[in-house]
């Protein structure tokens, strides 16, 4: 089985703050579809990293 490698690490507090900012931006009426989709993907990535168990992280 191939292990998931993380290319970057963000402190949990920073990730949660960024997710809040993304959610605020997603509520904007002036957001085009391309940016909306990109922000949704980024938010999903951050959320996945936050719920992933710490023992599954691979350290370099």
PDB file of N, CA and C in Angstrom:
ATOM      1  N   UNK A   1       0.848  -1.179   0.000  1.00  0.00           N
ATOM      2  CA  UNK A   1       0.000   0.000   0.000  1.00  0.00           C
ATOM      3  C   UNK A   1       0.892   1.241   0.000  1.00  0.00           C
ATOM      4  N   UNK A   2       0.549   2.198  -0.818  1.00  0.00           N
ATOM      5  CA  UNK A   2       1.334   3.424  -0.911  1.00  0.00           C
ATOM      6  C   UNK A   2       0.895   4.407   0.169  1.00  0.00           C
ATOM      7  N   UNK A   3       1.875   4.990   0.849  1.00  0.00           N
ATOM      8  CA  UNK A   3       1.564   5.942   1.913  1.00  0.00           C
ATOM      9  C   UNK A   3       1.366   7.331   1.333  1.00  0.00           C
ATOM     10  N   UNK A   4       0.485   8.081   1.963  1.00  0.00           N
ATOM     11  CA  UNK A   4       0.201   9.447   1.540  1.00  0.00           C
ATOM     12  C   UNK A   4       1.298  10.364   2.076  1.00  0.00           C
ATOM     13  N   UNK A   5       1.927  11.101   1.191  1.00  0.00           N
ATOM     14  CA  UNK A   5       2.965  12.047   1.587  1.00  0.00           C
ATOM     15  C   UNK A   5       2.396  13.455   1.583  1.00  0.00           C
ATOM     16  N   UNK A   6       2.710  14.205   2.596  1.00  0.00           N
ATOM     17  CA  UNK A   6       2.251  15.586   2.693  1.00  0.00           C
ATOM     18  C   UNK A   6       3.365  16.513   2.215  1.00  0.00           C
ATOM     19  N   UNK A   7       3.039  17.358   1.256  1.00  0.00           N
ATOM     20  CA  UNK A   7       4.013  18.288   0.726  1.00  0.00           C
ATOM     21  C   UNK A   7       4.197  19.519   1.595  1.00  0.00           C
ATOM     22  N   UNK A   8       3.276  19.737   2.519  1.00  0.00           N
ATOM     23  CA  UNK A   8       3.358  20.900   3.398  1.00  0.00           C
ATOM     24  C   UNK A   8       2.587  20.596   4.668  1.00  0.00           C
ATOM     25  N   UNK A   9       2.904  21.342   5.692  1.00  0.00           N
ATOM     26  CA  UNK A   9       2.219  21.194   6.977  1.00  0.00           C
ATOM     27  C   UNK A   9       1.765  22.571   7.421  1.00  0.00           C
ATOM     28  N   UNK A  10       0.505  22.671   7.812  1.00  0.00           N
ATOM     29  CA  UNK A  10      -0.051  23.932   8.294  1.00  0.00           C
ATOM     30  C   UNK A  10      -0.576  23.698   9.703  1.00  0.00           C
ATOM     31  N   UNK A  11      -0.255  24.596  10.626  1.00  0.00           N
ATOM     32  CA  UNK A  11      -0.810  24.450  11.976  1.00  0.00           C
ATOM     33  C   UNK A  11      -2.338  24.411  11.935  1.00  0.00           C
ATOM     34  N   UNK A  12      -2.926  23.623  12.830  1.00  0.00           N
ATOM     35  CA  UNK A  12      -4.380  23.442  12.843  1.00  0.00           C
ATOM     36  C   UNK A  12      -5.123  24.770  12.956  1.00  0.00           C
ATOM     37  N   UNK A  13      -4.648  25.651  13.809  1.00  0.00           N
ATOM     38  CA  UNK A  13      -5.322  26.945  13.986  1.00  0.00           C
ATOM     39  C   UNK A  13      -5.328  27.746  12.683  1.00  0.00           C
ATOM     40  N   UNK A  14      -4.198  27.738  11.974  1.00  0.00           N
ATOM     41  CA  UNK A  14      -4.117  28.452  10.697  1.00  0.00           C
ATOM     42  C   UNK A  14      -5.054  27.832   9.660  1.00  0.00           C
ATOM     43  N   UNK A  15      -5.119  26.508   9.642  1.00  0.00           N
ATOM     44  CA  UNK A  15      -5.998  25.826   8.688  1.00  0.00           C
ATOM     45  C   UNK A  15      -7.457  26.170   8.964  1.00  0.00           C
ATOM     46  N   UNK A  16      -7.833  26.192  10.234  1.00  0.00           N
ATOM     47  CA  UNK A  16      -9.223  26.524  10.579  1.00  0.00           C
ATOM     48  C   UNK A  16      -9.540  27.984  10.224  1.00  0.00           C
ATOM     49  N   UNK A  17      -8.590  28.888  10.461  1.00  0.00           N
ATOM     50  CA  UNK A  17      -8.795  30.293  10.086  1.00  0.00           C
ATOM     51  C   UNK A  17      -8.945  30.435   8.574  1.00  0.00           C
ATOM     52  N   UNK A  18      -8.117  29.718   7.832  1.00  0.00           N
ATOM     53  CA  UNK A  18      -8.196  29.773   6.373  1.00  0.00           C
ATOM     54  C   UNK A  18      -9.525  29.204   5.881  1.00  0.00           C
ATOM     55  N   UNK A  19      -9.992  28.127   6.505  1.00  0.00           N
ATOM     56  CA  UNK A  19     -11.290  27.564   6.127  1.00  0.00           C
ATOM     57  C   UNK A  19     -12.417  28.563   6.385  1.00  0.00           C
ATOM     58  N   UNK A  20     -12.332  29.299   7.483  1.00  0.00           N
ATOM     59  CA  UNK A  20     -13.346  30.325   7.768  1.00  0.00           C
ATOM     60  C   UNK A  20     -13.329  31.419   6.707  1.00  0.00           C
ATOM     61  N   UNK A  21     -12.132  31.852   6.315  1.00  0.00           N
ATOM     62  CA  UNK A  21     -12.022  32.878   5.271  1.00  0.00           C
ATOM     63  C   UNK A  21     -12.566  32.371   3.936  1.00  0.00           C
ATOM     64  N   UNK A  22     -12.268  31.117   3.625  1.00  0.00           N
ATOM     65  CA  UNK A  22     -12.774  30.525   2.387  1.00  0.00           C
ATOM     66  C   UNK A  22     -14.299  30.482   2.411  1.00  0.00           C
ATOM     67  N   UNK A  23     -14.867  30.063   3.535  1.00  0.00           N
ATOM     68  CA  UNK A  23     -16.332  29.998   3.643  1.00  0.00           C
ATOM     69  C   UNK A  23     -16.968  31.372   3.479  1.00  0.00           C
ATOM     70  N   UNK A  24     -16.332  32.406   4.036  1.00  0.00           N
ATOM     71  CA  UNK A  24     -16.841  33.769   3.859  1.00  0.00           C
ATOM     72  C   UNK A  24     -16.798  34.169   2.387  1.00  0.00           C
ATOM     73  N   UNK A  25     -15.697  33.835   1.729  1.00  0.00           N
ATOM     74  CA  UNK A  25     -15.547  34.188   0.317  1.00  0.00           C
ATOM     75  C   UNK A  25     -16.545  33.427  -0.548  1.00  0.00           C
ATOM     76  N   UNK A  26     -16.823  32.170  -0.194  1.00  0.00           N
ATOM     77  CA  UNK A  26     -17.778  31.371  -0.963  1.00  0.00           C
ATOM     78  C   UNK A  26     -19.186  31.952  -0.908  1.00  0.00           C
ATOM     79  N   UNK A  27     -19.486  32.712   0.121  1.00  0.00           N
ATOM     80  CA  UNK A  27     -20.802  33.327   0.252  1.00  0.00           C
ATOM     81  C   UNK A  27     -20.923  34.611  -0.573  1.00  0.00           C
ATOM     82  N   UNK A  28     -19.817  35.049  -1.149  1.00  0.00           N
ATOM     83  CA  UNK A  28     -19.803  36.267  -1.952  1.00  0.00           C
ATOM     84  C   UNK A  28     -20.571  36.057  -3.258  1.00  0.00           C
ATOM     85  N   UNK A  29     -21.362  37.039  -3.617  1.00  0.00           N
ATOM     86  CA  UNK A  29     -22.113  36.970  -4.863  1.00  0.00           C
ATOM     87  C   UNK A  29     -21.250  37.344  -6.066  1.00  0.00           C
ATOM     88  N   UNK A  30     -20.077  37.889  -5.821  1.00  0.00           N
ATOM     89  CA  UNK A  30     -19.218  38.365  -6.907  1.00  0.00           C
ATOM     90  C   UNK A  30     -18.144  37.351  -7.274  1.00  0.00           C
ATOM     91  N   UNK A  31     -18.348  36.108  -6.963  1.00  0.00           N
ATOM     92  CA  UNK A  31     -17.359  35.059  -7.199  1.00  0.00           C
ATOM     93  C   UNK A  31     -17.731  34.288  -8.465  1.00  0.00           C
ATOM     94  N   UNK A  32     -16.790  34.203  -9.428  1.00  0.00           N
ATOM     95  CA  UNK A  32     -17.120  33.443 -10.632  1.00  0.00           C
ATOM     96  C   UNK A  32     -16.996  31.937 -10.358  1.00  0.00           C
ATOM     97  N   UNK A  33     -17.541  31.144 -11.255  1.00  0.00           N
ATOM     98  CA  UNK A  33     -17.641  29.691 -11.046  1.00  0.00           C
ATOM     99  C   UNK A  33     -16.270  29.041 -10.878  1.00  0.00           C
ATOM    100  N   UNK A  34     -15.295  29.472 -11.663  1.00  0.00           N
ATOM    101  CA  UNK A  34     -13.954  28.881 -11.601  1.00  0.00           C
ATOM    102  C   UNK A  34     -13.332  29.089 -10.234  1.00  0.00           C
ATOM    103  N   UNK A  35     -13.432  30.302  -9.692  1.00  0.00           N
ATOM    104  CA  UNK A  35     -12.878  30.584  -8.371  1.00  0.00           C
ATOM    105  C   UNK A  35     -13.666  29.862  -7.283  1.00  0.00           C
ATOM    106  N   UNK A  36     -14.963  29.802  -7.442  1.00  0.00           N
ATOM    107  CA  UNK A  36     -15.820  29.093  -6.489  1.00  0.00           C
ATOM    108  C   UNK A  36     -15.393  27.623  -6.389  1.00  0.00           C
ATOM    109  N   UNK A  37     -15.198  26.978  -7.546  1.00  0.00           N
ATOM    110  CA  UNK A  37     -14.803  25.570  -7.568  1.00  0.00           C
ATOM    111  C   UNK A  37     -13.427  25.358  -6.943  1.00  0.00           C
ATOM    112  N   UNK A  38     -12.490  26.260  -7.234  1.00  0.00           N
ATOM    113  CA  UNK A  38     -11.143  26.139  -6.672  1.00  0.00           C
ATOM    114  C   UNK A  38     -11.164  26.286  -5.151  1.00  0.00           C
ATOM    115  N   UNK A  39     -11.954  27.226  -4.652  1.00  0.00           N
ATOM    116  CA  UNK A  39     -12.052  27.408  -3.202  1.00  0.00           C
ATOM    117  C   UNK A  39     -12.712  26.208  -2.531  1.00  0.00           C
ATOM    118  N   UNK A  40     -13.699  25.612  -3.184  1.00  0.00           N
ATOM    119  CA  UNK A  40     -14.325  24.403  -2.638  1.00  0.00           C
ATOM    120  C   UNK A  40     -13.315  23.264  -2.529  1.00  0.00           C
ATOM    121  N   UNK A  41     -12.486  23.096  -3.556  1.00  0.00           N
ATOM    122  CA  UNK A  41     -11.468  22.040  -3.533  1.00  0.00           C
ATOM    123  C   UNK A  41     -10.447  22.293  -2.431  1.00  0.00           C
ATOM    124  N   UNK A  42     -10.003  23.530  -2.294  1.00  0.00           N
ATOM    125  CA  UNK A  42      -9.040  23.870  -1.252  1.00  0.00           C
ATOM    126  C   UNK A  42      -9.631  23.630   0.131  1.00  0.00           C
ATOM    127  N   UNK A  43     -10.865  24.024   0.321  1.00  0.00           N
ATOM    128  CA  UNK A  43     -11.531  23.815   1.602  1.00  0.00           C
ATOM    129  C   UNK A  43     -11.633  22.324   1.926  1.00  0.00           C
ATOM    130  N   UNK A  44     -11.960  21.518   0.932  1.00  0.00           N
ATOM    131  CA  UNK A  44     -12.060  20.069   1.137  1.00  0.00           C
ATOM    132  C   UNK A  44     -10.705  19.471   1.506  1.00  0.00           C
ATOM    133  N   UNK A  45      -9.640  19.948   0.863  1.00  0.00           N
ATOM    134  CA  UNK A  45      -8.297  19.459   1.186  1.00  0.00           C
ATOM    135  C   UNK A  45      -7.925  19.796   2.624  1.00  0.00           C
ATOM    136  N   UNK A  46      -8.207  21.019   3.031  1.00  0.00           N
ATOM    137  CA  UNK A  46      -7.903  21.432   4.403  1.00  0.00           C
ATOM    138  C   UNK A  46      -8.705  20.607   5.405  1.00  0.00           C
ATOM    139  N   UNK A  47      -9.975  20.413   5.117  1.00  0.00           N
ATOM    140  CA  UNK A  47     -10.829  19.637   6.019  1.00  0.00           C
ATOM    141  C   UNK A  47     -10.334  18.196   6.128  1.00  0.00           C
ATOM    142  N   UNK A  48      -9.947  17.601   5.000  1.00  0.00           N
ATOM    143  CA  UNK A  48      -9.417  16.237   5.022  1.00  0.00           C
ATOM    144  C   UNK A  48      -8.166  16.146   5.879  1.00  0.00           C
ATOM    145  N   UNK A  49      -7.298  17.134   5.764  1.00  0.00           N
ATOM    146  CA  UNK A  49      -6.069  17.130   6.564  1.00  0.00           C
ATOM    147  C   UNK A  49      -6.369  17.279   8.051  1.00  0.00           C
ATOM    148  N   UNK A  50      -7.403  18.025   8.398  1.00  0.00           N
ATOM    149  CA  UNK A  50      -7.739  18.225   9.809  1.00  0.00           C
ATOM    150  C   UNK A  50      -8.357  16.982  10.437  1.00  0.00           C
ATOM    151  N   UNK A  51      -9.096  16.209   9.665  1.00  0.00           N
ATOM    152  CA  UNK A  51      -9.739  15.034  10.254  1.00  0.00           C
ATOM    153  C   UNK A  51      -8.882  13.777  10.145  1.00  0.00           C
ATOM    154  N   UNK A  52      -7.814  13.851   9.367  1.00  0.00           N
ATOM    155  CA  UNK A  52      -6.927  12.700   9.222  1.00  0.00           C
ATOM    156  C   UNK A  52      -6.223  12.429  10.549  1.00  0.00           C
ATOM    157  N   UNK A  53      -6.172  11.189  10.972  1.00  0.00           N
ATOM    158  CA  UNK A  53      -5.489  10.881  12.238  1.00  0.00           C
ATOM    159  C   UNK A  53      -4.006  11.249  12.177  1.00  0.00           C
ATOM    160  N   UNK A  54      -3.501  11.753  13.265  1.00  0.00           N
ATOM    161  CA  UNK A  54      -2.106  12.193  13.319  1.00  0.00           C
ATOM    162  C   UNK A  54      -1.133  11.040  13.080  1.00  0.00           C
ATOM    163  N   UNK A  55      -1.484   9.820  13.456  1.00  0.00           N
ATOM    164  CA  UNK A  55      -0.554   8.701  13.279  1.00  0.00           C
ATOM    165  C   UNK A  55      -0.440   8.268  11.823  1.00  0.00           C
ATOM    166  N   UNK A  56      -1.284   8.792  10.945  1.00  0.00           N
ATOM    167  CA  UNK A  56      -1.205   8.458   9.530  1.00  0.00           C
ATOM    168  C   UNK A  56      -0.253   9.381   8.775  1.00  0.00           C
ATOM    169  N   UNK A  57       0.220  10.418   9.438  1.00  0.00           N
ATOM    170  CA  UNK A  57       1.129  11.352   8.777  1.00  0.00           C
ATOM    171  C   UNK A  57       2.478  10.696   8.539  1.00  0.00           C
ATOM    172  N   UNK A  58       3.052  10.976   7.398  1.00  0.00           N
ATOM    173  CA  UNK A  58       4.369  10.454   7.056  1.00  0.00           C
ATOM    174  C   UNK A  58       5.361  11.587   7.202  1.00  0.00           C
ATOM    175  N   UNK A  59       6.402  11.358   7.963  1.00  0.00           N
ATOM    176  CA  UNK A  59       7.415  12.398   8.147  1.00  0.00           C
ATOM    177  C   UNK A  59       8.596  12.118   7.241  1.00  0.00           C
ATOM    178  N   UNK A  60       9.186  13.169   6.690  1.00  0.00           N
ATOM    179  CA  UNK A  60      10.329  12.986   5.782  1.00  0.00           C
ATOM    180  C   UNK A  60      11.553  12.501   6.503  1.00  0.00           C
TER     181      UNK A  60
END
